[in-house]
C-alpha atoms as a PDB file:
ATOM      1  CA  MET A   1      51.445   8.611 -10.822  1.00  0.00           C
ATOM      2  CA  LYS A   2      50.429  11.490  -8.527  1.00  0.00           C
ATOM      3  CA  ARG A   3      47.188  11.938 -10.473  1.00  0.00           C
ATOM      4  CA  PHE A   4      46.155   8.395  -9.645  1.00  0.00           C
ATOM      5  CA  LEU A   5      46.655   9.074  -5.932  1.00  0.00           C
ATOM      6  CA  VAL A   6      44.877  12.443  -5.896  1.00  0.00           C
ATOM      7  CA  LEU A   7      41.605  11.145  -7.348  1.00  0.00           C
ATOM      8  CA  PRO A   8      41.005   8.407  -4.706  1.00  0.00           C
ATOM      9  CA  LEU A   9      41.985  10.816  -1.929  1.00  0.00           C
ATOM     10  CA  ALA A  10      39.549  13.424  -3.236  1.00  0.00           C
ATOM     11  CA  LEU A  11      36.717  10.881  -3.397  1.00  0.00           C
ATOM     12  CA  ALA A  12      37.509   9.567   0.072  1.00  0.00           C
ATOM     13  CA  SER A  13      37.555  13.072   1.533  1.00  0.00           C
ATOM     14  CA  VAL A  14      34.073  13.778   0.140  1.00  0.00           C
ATOM     15  CA  GLY A  15      32.762  10.827   2.130  1.00  0.00           C
ATOM     16  CA  CYS A  16      34.513  12.070   5.249  1.00  0.00           C
ATOM     17  CA  VAL A  17      33.039  15.544   4.810  1.00  0.00           C
ATOM     18  CA  ARG A  18      29.525  14.125   4.437  1.00  0.00           C
ATOM     19  CA  THR A  19      29.981  12.047   7.572  1.00  0.00           C
ATOM     20  CA  ALA A  20      31.350  15.013   9.494  1.00  0.00           C
ATOM     21  CA  VAL A  21      28.404  17.180   8.398  1.00  0.00           C
ATOM     22  CA  ALA A  22      25.948  14.468   9.425  1.00  0.00           C
ATOM     23  CA  VAL A  23      27.591  14.158  12.838  1.00  0.00           C
ATOM     24  CA  VAL A  24      27.491  17.923  13.381  1.00  0.00           C
ATOM     25  CA  LYS A  25      23.834  18.217  12.256  1.00  0.00           C
ATOM     26  CA  ALA A  26      22.538  15.274  14.295  1.00  0.00           C
ATOM     27  CA  PRO A  27      22.156  17.050  17.687  1.00  0.00           C
ATOM     28  CA  PHE A  28      20.291  19.933  16.065  1.00  0.00           C
ATOM     29  CA  GLN A  29      17.955  17.572  14.227  1.00  0.00           C
ATOM     30  CA  VAL A  30      17.224  15.657  17.420  1.00  0.00           C
ATOM     31  CA  ALA A  31      16.576  18.895  19.314  1.00  0.00           C
ATOM     32  CA  GLY A  32      14.319  20.139  16.529  1.00  0.00           C
ATOM     33  CA  ALA A  33      12.316  16.922  16.562  1.00  0.00           C
ATOM     34  CA  GLY A  34      11.936  17.187  20.334  1.00  0.00           C
ATOM     35  CA  ILE A  35      10.705  20.757  20.109  1.00  0.00           C
ATOM     36  CA  ASP A  36       8.233  19.797  17.380  1.00  0.00           C
ATOM     37  CA  MET A  37       6.862  17.051  19.594  1.00  0.00           C
ATOM     38  CA  MET A  38       6.501  19.391  22.576  1.00  0.00           C
ATOM     39  CA  THR A  39       4.840  22.273  20.740  1.00  0.00           C
ATOM     40  CA  THR A  40       1.441  22.417  19.075  1.00  0.00           C
ATOM     41  CA  SER A  41       1.014  23.800  15.579  1.00  0.00           C
ATOM     42  CA  GLN A  42      -1.846  26.162  14.790  1.00  0.00           C
ATOM     43  CA  GLU A  43      -3.556  23.429  12.771  1.00  0.00           C
ATOM     44  CA  GLU A  44      -3.350  21.013  15.694  1.00  0.00           C
ATOM     45  CA  ALA A  45      -4.628  23.667  18.080  1.00  0.00           C
ATOM     46  CA  ASP A  46      -7.586  24.407  15.788  1.00  0.00           C
ATOM     47  CA  ARG A  47      -8.390  20.709  15.423  1.00  0.00           C
ATOM     48  CA  ASN A  48      -8.219  20.148  19.177  1.00  0.00           C
ATOM     49  CA  ARG A  49     -10.361  23.216  19.874  1.00  0.00           C
ATOM     50  CA  GLY A  50     -12.978  22.060  17.371  1.00  0.00           C
ATOM     51  CA  ARG A  51     -13.025  18.625  18.974  1.00  0.00           C
ATOM     52  CA  ALA A  52     -13.474  20.171  22.421  1.00  0.00           C
ATOM     53  CA  ILE A  53     -16.331  22.374  21.174  1.00  0.00           C
ATOM     54  CA  ARG A  54     -18.119  19.405  19.571  1.00  0.00           C
ATOM     55  CA  LYS A  55     -17.708  17.379  22.760  1.00  0.00           C
ATOM     56  CA  GLN A  56     -19.146  20.238  24.840  1.00  0.00           C
ATOM     57  CA  GLU A  57     -22.074  20.655  22.426  1.00  0.00           C
ATOM     58  CA  GLU A  58     -22.831  16.928  22.687  1.00  0.00           C
ATOM     59  CA  ALA A  59     -22.762  17.121  26.485  1.00  0.00           C
ATOM     60  CA  ASP A  60     -25.051  20.187  26.427  1.00  0.00           C
ATOM     61  CA  ALA A  61     -27.513  18.430  24.095  1.00  0.00           C
ATOM     62  CA  LYS A  62     -27.539  15.356  26.335  1.00  0.00           C
ATOM     63  CA  ALA A  63     -28.208  17.514  29.400  1.00  0.00           C
ATOM     64  CA  ALA A  64     -31.017  19.326  27.560  1.00  0.00           C
ATOM     65  CA  ARG A  65     -32.621  16.001  26.569  1.00  0.00           C
ATOM     66  CA  LYS A  66     -32.398  14.784  30.157  1.00  0.00           C
ATOM     67  CA  ALA A  67     -33.905  18.020  31.494  1.00  0.00           C
ATOM     68  CA  GLU A  68     -36.749  17.818  28.952  1.00  0.00           C
ATOM     69  CA  LYS A  69     -37.414  14.202  29.932  1.00  0.00           C
ATOM     70  CA  GLU A  70     -37.516  15.149  33.621  1.00  0.00           C
ATOM     71  CA  ARG A  71     -39.844  18.083  32.873  1.00  0.00           C
ATOM     72  CA  ARG A  72     -42.267  15.842  30.967  1.00  0.00           C
ATOM     73  CA  LYS A  73     -42.113  13.284  33.765  1.00  0.00           C
ATOM     74  CA  ALA A  74     -42.911  15.973  36.345  1.00  0.00           C
ATOM     75  CA  GLU A  75     -45.820  17.297  34.229  1.00  0.00           C
ATOM     76  CA  LYS A  76     -47.222  13.795  33.898  1.00  0.00           C
ATOM     77  CA  ALA A  77     -46.988  13.278  37.651  1.00  0.00           C
ATOM     78  CA  MET A  78     -48.768  16.596  38.253  1.00  0.00           C
ATOM     79  CA  ARG A  79     -51.604  15.657  35.855  1.00  0.00           C
ATOM     80  CA  GLU A  80     -52.008  12.240  37.467  1.00  0.00           C
ATOM     81  CA  ARG A  81     -52.096  13.813  40.921  1.00  0.00           C
ATOM     82  CA  ASP A  82     -54.757  16.324  39.818  1.00  0.00           C
ATOM     83  CA  ASP A  83     -56.979  13.588  38.403  1.00  0.00           C
END
């Protein structure tokens, strides 16, 4: 008769232990997730840096095109004035 009582108690205690472990681990998991969200991995940093470099290169190219256009416009105005 005691064997029949021990088995259900043992199975029930396993569930309690799992629940207790989950409750104890929860604050650490939440804190870890928060830290992960606040910090930047090396891969993310590299990706962001590459994006910033490409954006700067595009802005530099646009400025160079604008300067070239202005230079040509000024040359044309000088030629027309000389004529």
